[in-house]
Amino acid sequence: MRALLKFSNTVDGLNTVIGKITMWLILATTLISAGNALVRKIFNVSSNGLLEVQWYLFAAVFLLGAGYGFLKNSHVRIDFISTKLSDRTRNWIDVIGIVLVLVPFCLIMIGLGWPFFLQALNSGEMSQNAGGLIRWPAYAMIPFGFALLLLQALSELIKRVAFLTGNGPDVLSSEETKSDEQKHLEELEAKTARLLAGDK
């Protein structure tokens, strides 16, 4: 289990670095989009290449940042149900979901995306728009993004199993991994409890 947890920490570190890079890509996308709009309005000039760069960067944020999102537990959960479940139940639900849904889905997407990437890379496929960009960087984000998500899925699976076997903490109850919605719900519950206690 120690070796698996070390692997998990390495994956967490990798996705943290990539996740922080994708945050800067959001700023780059915004600046390029604003610059493109200003140039089009002021000088009546537009660039298909710059428009496609926006799309590429936007795709990179979601595909390459998915593993980081999973690490930070920022994906969608039904919080008002999950907060009512025991720690062990929530971890078991995650184990089943990771093994039966997420891992197979990632493998399918990698298997489907890899040939598109290789074909575009070998053929030098270009956008059909005038002044457009080469396509392989966009196609590359599909298998690589899902590979990062798959690695994070394995990392999270290791952490869930470690908790269930008594070899690690419950990362789902960690303040760092709680979503903003979870924290807000807990604050509301605490305030309600204090008000009710005051009434009595």
C-alpha atoms as a PDB file:
ATOM      1  CA  MET A   1       0.000   0.000   0.000  1.00  0.00           C
ATOM      2  CA  ARG A   2       2.924   2.351   0.700  1.00  0.00           C
ATOM      3  CA  ALA A   3       4.131   2.088  -2.917  1.00  0.00           C
ATOM      4  CA  LEU A   4       0.602   2.718  -4.198  1.00  0.00           C
ATOM      5  CA  LEU A   5       0.237   5.801  -2.005  1.00  0.00           C
ATOM      6  CA  LYS A   6       3.582   7.071  -3.297  1.00  0.00           C
ATOM      7  CA  PHE A   7       2.294   6.611  -6.857  1.00  0.00           C
ATOM      8  CA  SER A   8      -0.889   8.463  -5.831  1.00  0.00           C
ATOM      9  CA  ASN A   9       1.140  11.390  -4.459  1.00  0.00           C
ATOM     10  CA  THR A  10       3.154  11.568  -7.695  1.00  0.00           C
ATOM     11  CA  VAL A  11      -0.019  11.661  -9.797  1.00  0.00           C
ATOM     12  CA  ASP A  12      -1.507  14.320  -7.502  1.00  0.00           C
ATOM     13  CA  GLY A  13       1.626  16.423  -7.956  1.00  0.00           C
ATOM     14  CA  LEU A  14       1.523  16.052 -11.749  1.00  0.00           C
ATOM     15  CA  ASN A  15      -2.129  17.045 -12.004  1.00  0.00           C
ATOM     16  CA  THR A  16      -1.592  19.943  -9.593  1.00  0.00           C
ATOM     17  CA  VAL A  17       1.120  21.389 -11.842  1.00  0.00           C
ATOM     18  CA  ILE A  18      -0.983  20.908 -14.986  1.00  0.00           C
ATOM     19  CA  GLY A  19      -4.080  22.260 -13.236  1.00  0.00           C
ATOM     20  CA  LYS A  20      -2.276  25.455 -12.270  1.00  0.00           C
ATOM     21  CA  ILE A  21      -1.049  25.850 -15.851  1.00  0.00           C
ATOM     22  CA  THR A  22      -4.620  25.513 -17.140  1.00  0.00           C
ATOM     23  CA  MET A  23      -5.661  28.353 -14.840  1.00  0.00           C
ATOM     24  CA  TRP A  24      -3.279  30.626 -16.764  1.00  0.00           C
ATOM     25  CA  LEU A  25      -4.771  29.323 -20.010  1.00  0.00           C
ATOM     26  CA  ILE A  26      -8.107  30.813 -18.919  1.00  0.00           C
ATOM     27  CA  LEU A  27      -6.439  34.226 -18.672  1.00  0.00           C
ATOM     28  CA  ALA A  28      -4.746  33.714 -22.055  1.00  0.00           C
ATOM     29  CA  THR A  29      -8.065  32.732 -23.630  1.00  0.00           C
ATOM     30  CA  THR A  30      -9.752  35.825 -22.193  1.00  0.00           C
ATOM     31  CA  LEU A  31      -7.016  38.195 -23.374  1.00  0.00           C
ATOM     32  CA  ILE A  32      -6.916  36.712 -26.885  1.00  0.00           C
ATOM     33  CA  SER A  33     -10.710  36.842 -27.109  1.00  0.00           C
ATOM     34  CA  ALA A  34     -10.831  40.470 -25.953  1.00  0.00           C
ATOM     35  CA  GLY A  35      -7.958  41.465 -28.263  1.00  0.00           C
ATOM     36  CA  ASN A  36      -9.577  39.762 -31.221  1.00  0.00           C
ATOM     37  CA  ALA A  37     -12.893  41.501 -30.538  1.00  0.00           C
ATOM     38  CA  LEU A  38     -11.243  44.926 -30.193  1.00  0.00           C
ATOM     39  CA  VAL A  39      -9.240  44.561 -33.393  1.00  0.00           C
ATOM     40  CA  ARG A  40     -12.347  43.432 -35.258  1.00  0.00           C
ATOM     41  CA  LYS A  41     -14.430  46.372 -33.973  1.00  0.00           C
ATOM     42  CA  ILE A  42     -11.763  49.073 -34.329  1.00  0.00           C
ATOM     43  CA  PHE A  43      -9.911  48.007 -37.494  1.00  0.00           C
ATOM     44  CA  ASN A  44     -12.513  45.674 -39.039  1.00  0.00           C
ATOM     45  CA  VAL A  45      -9.864  42.937 -39.197  1.00  0.00           C
ATOM     46  CA  SER A  46     -10.239  39.400 -37.941  1.00  0.00           C
ATOM     47  CA  SER A  47      -8.040  36.316 -37.758  1.00  0.00           C
ATOM     48  CA  ASN A  48      -9.311  32.746 -38.028  1.00  0.00           C
ATOM     49  CA  GLY A  49      -6.045  31.606 -36.480  1.00  0.00           C
ATOM     50  CA  LEU A  50      -6.677  33.666 -33.338  1.00  0.00           C
ATOM     51  CA  LEU A  51     -10.262  32.427 -33.146  1.00  0.00           C
ATOM     52  CA  GLU A  52      -9.030  28.846 -33.328  1.00  0.00           C
ATOM     53  CA  VAL A  53      -6.364  29.506 -30.690  1.00  0.00           C
ATOM     54  CA  GLN A  54      -9.213  30.524 -28.360  1.00  0.00           C
ATOM     55  CA  TRP A  55     -11.003  27.231 -29.043  1.00  0.00           C
ATOM     56  CA  TYR A  56      -7.814  25.222 -28.533  1.00  0.00           C
ATOM     57  CA  LEU A  57      -7.057  26.919 -25.221  1.00  0.00           C
ATOM     58  CA  PHE A  58     -10.653  26.568 -24.051  1.00  0.00           C
ATOM     59  CA  ALA A  59     -10.553  22.847 -24.888  1.00  0.00           C
ATOM     60  CA  ALA A  60      -7.219  22.506 -23.088  1.00  0.00           C
ATOM     61  CA  VAL A  61      -8.667  24.018 -19.901  1.00  0.00           C
ATOM     62  CA  PHE A  62     -11.424  21.411 -19.725  1.00  0.00           C
ATOM     63  CA  LEU A  63      -9.581  18.370 -21.044  1.00  0.00           C
ATOM     64  CA  LEU A  64      -6.200  18.857 -19.394  1.00  0.00           C
ATOM     65  CA  GLY A  65      -7.697  20.289 -16.196  1.00  0.00           C
ATOM     66  CA  ALA A  66     -10.194  17.465 -15.604  1.00  0.00           C
ATOM     67  CA  GLY A  67      -7.736  15.450 -13.506  1.00  0.00           C
ATOM     68  CA  TYR A  68      -7.020  18.492 -11.337  1.00  0.00           C
ATOM     69  CA  GLY A  69     -10.752  19.042 -10.911  1.00  0.00           C
ATOM     70  CA  PHE A  70     -11.117  15.458  -9.690  1.00  0.00           C
ATOM     71  CA  LEU A  71      -8.171  15.886  -7.329  1.00  0.00           C
ATOM     72  CA  LYS A  72      -9.769  18.981  -5.799  1.00  0.00           C
ATOM     73  CA  ASN A  73     -13.194  17.285  -5.598  1.00  0.00           C
ATOM     74  CA  SER A  74     -14.711  20.103  -7.663  1.00  0.00           C
ATOM     75  CA  HIS A  75     -16.773  17.866  -9.922  1.00  0.00           C
ATOM     76  CA  VAL A  76     -20.546  17.771  -9.565  1.00  0.00           C
ATOM     77  CA  ARG A  77     -21.925  15.905  -6.559  1.00  0.00           C
ATOM     78  CA  ILE A  78     -25.427  15.812  -5.131  1.00  0.00           C
ATOM     79  CA  ASP A  79     -24.212  17.458  -1.931  1.00  0.00           C
ATOM     80  CA  PHE A  80     -27.466  17.397  -0.006  1.00  0.00           C
ATOM     81  CA  ILE A  81     -27.464  13.600  -0.345  1.00  0.00           C
ATOM     82  CA  SER A  82     -23.741  12.877  -0.036  1.00  0.00           C
ATOM     83  CA  THR A  83     -23.414  14.928   3.167  1.00  0.00           C
ATOM     84  CA  LYS A  84     -26.024  12.698   4.806  1.00  0.00           C
ATOM     85  CA  LEU A  85     -24.083   9.503   4.056  1.00  0.00           C
ATOM     86  CA  SER A  86     -21.438   7.959   6.288  1.00  0.00           C
ATOM     87  CA  ASP A  87     -17.775   8.371   5.386  1.00  0.00           C
ATOM     88  CA  ARG A  88     -17.443   4.705   4.468  1.00  0.00           C
ATOM     89  CA  THR A  89     -20.561   4.784   2.264  1.00  0.00           C
ATOM     90  CA  ARG A  90     -19.333   7.822   0.350  1.00  0.00           C
ATOM     91  CA  ASN A  91     -15.970   6.186  -0.214  1.00  0.00           C
ATOM     92  CA  TRP A  92     -17.569   2.937  -1.367  1.00  0.00           C
ATOM     93  CA  ILE A  93     -19.748   4.864  -3.830  1.00  0.00           C
ATOM     94  CA  ASP A  94     -16.617   6.515  -5.216  1.00  0.00           C
ATOM     95  CA  VAL A  95     -14.790   3.176  -5.505  1.00  0.00           C
ATOM     96  CA  ILE A  96     -17.685   1.638  -7.449  1.00  0.00           C
ATOM     97  CA  GLY A  97     -18.065   4.712  -9.662  1.00  0.00           C
ATOM     98  CA  ILE A  98     -14.347   4.910 -10.429  1.00  0.00           C
ATOM     99  CA  VAL A  99     -14.006   1.208 -11.238  1.00  0.00           C
ATOM    100  CA  LEU A 100     -17.258   0.691 -13.166  1.00  0.00           C
ATOM    101  CA  VAL A 101     -17.727   4.063 -14.870  1.00  0.00           C
ATOM    102  CA  LEU A 102     -14.766   6.437 -14.868  1.00  0.00           C
ATOM    103  CA  VAL A 103     -11.885   4.063 -15.672  1.00  0.00           C
ATOM    104  CA  PRO A 104     -13.719   2.328 -18.577  1.00  0.00           C
ATOM    105  CA  PHE A 105     -14.871   5.711 -19.933  1.00  0.00           C
ATOM    106  CA  CYS A 106     -11.324   7.100 -19.876  1.00  0.00           C
ATOM    107  CA  LEU A 107      -9.970   3.983 -21.617  1.00  0.00           C
ATOM    108  CA  ILE A 108     -12.631   4.253 -24.322  1.00  0.00           C
ATOM    109  CA  MET A 109     -11.918   7.942 -24.930  1.00  0.00           C
ATOM    110  CA  ILE A 110      -8.159   7.346 -25.078  1.00  0.00           C
ATOM    111  CA  GLY A 111      -8.703   4.472 -27.509  1.00  0.00           C
ATOM    112  CA  LEU A 112     -10.970   6.567 -29.727  1.00  0.00           C
ATOM    113  CA  GLY A 113      -8.946   9.790 -29.526  1.00  0.00           C
ATOM    114  CA  TRP A 114      -5.461   8.366 -30.163  1.00  0.00           C
ATOM    115  CA  PRO A 115      -6.060   7.381 -33.846  1.00  0.00           C
ATOM    116  CA  PHE A 116      -7.463  10.851 -34.645  1.00  0.00           C
ATOM    117  CA  PHE A 117      -4.376  12.445 -33.118  1.00  0.00           C
ATOM    118  CA  LEU A 118      -1.951  10.167 -35.003  1.00  0.00           C
ATOM    119  CA  GLN A 119      -3.771  10.595 -38.311  1.00  0.00           C
ATOM    120  CA  ALA A 120      -3.769  14.390 -38.011  1.00  0.00           C
ATOM    121  CA  LEU A 121      -0.115  14.410 -36.937  1.00  0.00           C
ATOM    122  CA  ASN A 122       1.035  12.195 -39.812  1.00  0.00           C
ATOM    123  CA  SER A 123      -1.067  13.929 -42.468  1.00  0.00           C
ATOM    124  CA  GLY A 124      -0.417  17.489 -41.288  1.00  0.00           C
ATOM    125  CA  GLU A 125      -4.177  18.108 -41.300  1.00  0.00           C
ATOM    126  CA  MET A 126      -5.061  21.799 -41.355  1.00  0.00           C
ATOM    127  CA  SER A 127      -8.205  23.695 -40.515  1.00  0.00           C
ATOM    128  CA  GLN A 128     -10.458  24.299 -43.516  1.00  0.00           C
ATOM    129  CA  ASN A 129     -10.779  27.956 -42.539  1.00  0.00           C
ATOM    130  CA  ALA A 130      -8.506  30.458 -44.273  1.00  0.00           C
ATOM    131  CA  GLY A 131      -5.551  31.175 -42.012  1.00  0.00           C
ATOM    132  CA  GLY A 132      -6.585  28.329 -39.724  1.00  0.00           C
ATOM    133  CA  LEU A 133      -4.274  26.195 -37.623  1.00  0.00           C
ATOM    134  CA  ILE A 134      -2.990  22.645 -37.737  1.00  0.00           C
ATOM    135  CA  ARG A 135      -5.402  20.210 -36.113  1.00  0.00           C
ATOM    136  CA  TRP A 136      -3.189  17.706 -34.280  1.00  0.00           C
ATOM    137  CA  PRO A 137      -2.706  19.840 -31.124  1.00  0.00           C
ATOM    138  CA  ALA A 138      -6.480  19.906 -30.645  1.00  0.00           C
ATOM    139  CA  TYR A 139      -6.786  16.157 -31.244  1.00  0.00           C
ATOM    140  CA  ALA A 140      -3.857  15.484 -28.901  1.00  0.00           C
ATOM    141  CA  MET A 141      -5.743  16.986 -25.986  1.00  0.00           C
ATOM    142  CA  ILE A 142      -8.356  14.220 -26.142  1.00  0.00           C
ATOM    143  CA  PRO A 143      -6.138  11.194 -25.355  1.00  0.00           C
ATOM    144  CA  PHE A 144      -3.741  13.161 -23.151  1.00  0.00           C
ATOM    145  CA  GLY A 145      -6.529  14.839 -21.179  1.00  0.00           C
ATOM    146  CA  PHE A 146      -8.284  11.533 -20.563  1.00  0.00           C
ATOM    147  CA  ALA A 147      -4.948   9.896 -19.698  1.00  0.00           C
ATOM    148  CA  LEU A 148      -4.447  12.512 -16.964  1.00  0.00           C
ATOM    149  CA  LEU A 149      -8.001  11.927 -15.758  1.00  0.00           C
ATOM    150  CA  LEU A 150      -7.378   8.162 -15.764  1.00  0.00           C
ATOM    151  CA  LEU A 151      -4.217   8.587 -13.697  1.00  0.00           C
ATOM    152  CA  GLN A 152      -6.119  10.749 -11.230  1.00  0.00           C
ATOM    153  CA  ALA A 153      -8.917   8.173 -11.110  1.00  0.00           C
ATOM    154  CA  LEU A 154      -6.361   5.533 -10.121  1.00  0.00           C
ATOM    155  CA  SER A 155      -4.882   7.902  -7.544  1.00  0.00           C
ATOM    156  CA  GLU A 156      -8.304   8.587  -6.036  1.00  0.00           C
ATOM    157  CA  LEU A 157      -9.121   4.872  -6.062  1.00  0.00           C
ATOM    158  CA  ILE A 158      -5.939   4.169  -4.098  1.00  0.00           C
ATOM    159  CA  LYS A 159      -6.841   6.856  -1.550  1.00  0.00           C
ATOM    160  CA  ARG A 160     -10.402   5.522  -1.132  1.00  0.00           C
ATOM    161  CA  VAL A 161      -9.167   1.956  -0.662  1.00  0.00           C
ATOM    162  CA  ALA A 162      -6.492   3.168   1.774  1.00  0.00           C
ATOM    163  CA  PHE A 163      -9.179   4.809   3.894  1.00  0.00           C
ATOM    164  CA  LEU A 164     -11.497   1.803   3.748  1.00  0.00           C
ATOM    165  CA  THR A 165      -8.682  -0.521   4.842  1.00  0.00           C
ATOM    166  CA  GLY A 166      -7.515   1.813   7.612  1.00  0.00           C
ATOM    167  CA  ASN A 167      -4.298   2.826   5.850  1.00  0.00           C
ATOM    168  CA  GLY A 168      -5.069   6.450   5.096  1.00  0.00           C
ATOM    169  CA  PRO A 169      -7.248   9.475   5.868  1.00  0.00           C
ATOM    170  CA  ASP A 170     -10.683  10.150   4.406  1.00  0.00           C
ATOM    171  CA  VAL A 171      -9.833  12.659   1.675  1.00  0.00           C
ATOM    172  CA  LEU A 172     -13.528  13.281   1.031  1.00  0.00           C
ATOM    173  CA  SER A 173     -13.920  14.879   4.459  1.00  0.00           C
ATOM    174  CA  SER A 174     -10.811  17.055   4.090  1.00  0.00           C
ATOM    175  CA  GLU A 175     -11.520  20.790   4.155  1.00  0.00           C
ATOM    176  CA  GLU A 176      -9.146  21.264   1.222  1.00  0.00           C
ATOM    177  CA  THR A 177     -11.120  18.943  -1.052  1.00  0.00           C
ATOM    178  CA  LYS A 178     -14.595  20.124  -0.081  1.00  0.00           C
ATOM    179  CA  SER A 179     -16.452  22.028  -2.765  1.00  0.00           C
ATOM    180  CA  ASP A 180     -17.665  25.566  -2.103  1.00  0.00           C
ATOM    181  CA  GLU A 181     -21.218  24.221  -2.053  1.00  0.00           C
ATOM    182  CA  GLN A 182     -20.304  21.681   0.640  1.00  0.00           C
ATOM    183  CA  LYS A 183     -18.653  24.357   2.791  1.00  0.00           C
ATOM    184  CA  HIS A 184     -21.631  26.696   2.358  1.00  0.00           C
ATOM    185  CA  LEU A 185     -24.080  23.916   3.262  1.00  0.00           C
ATOM    186  CA  GLU A 186     -22.092  23.070   6.393  1.00  0.00           C
ATOM    187  CA  GLU A 187     -22.063  26.755   7.405  1.00  0.00           C
ATOM    188  CA  LEU A 188     -25.838  26.968   6.953  1.00  0.00           C
ATOM    189  CA  GLU A 189     -26.363  23.788   8.962  1.00  0.00           C
ATOM    190  CA  ALA A 190     -24.168  25.140  11.767  1.00  0.00           C
ATOM    191  CA  LYS A 191     -26.046  28.476  11.817  1.00  0.00           C
ATOM    192  CA  THR A 192     -29.399  26.680  11.864  1.00  0.00           C
ATOM    193  CA  ALA A 193     -28.248  24.469  14.729  1.00  0.00           C
ATOM    194  CA  ARG A 194     -27.134  27.538  16.708  1.00  0.00           C
ATOM    195  CA  LEU A 195     -30.445  29.322  16.094  1.00  0.00           C
ATOM    196  CA  LEU A 196     -32.447  26.272  17.175  1.00  0.00           C
ATOM    197  CA  ALA A 197     -30.301  25.887  20.274  1.00  0.00           C
ATOM    198  CA  GLY A 198     -30.878  29.574  21.095  1.00  0.00           C
ATOM    199  CA  ASP A 199     -34.656  29.208  20.759  1.00  0.00           C
ATOM    200  CA  LYS A 200     -34.621  26.372  23.285  1.00  0.00           C
END
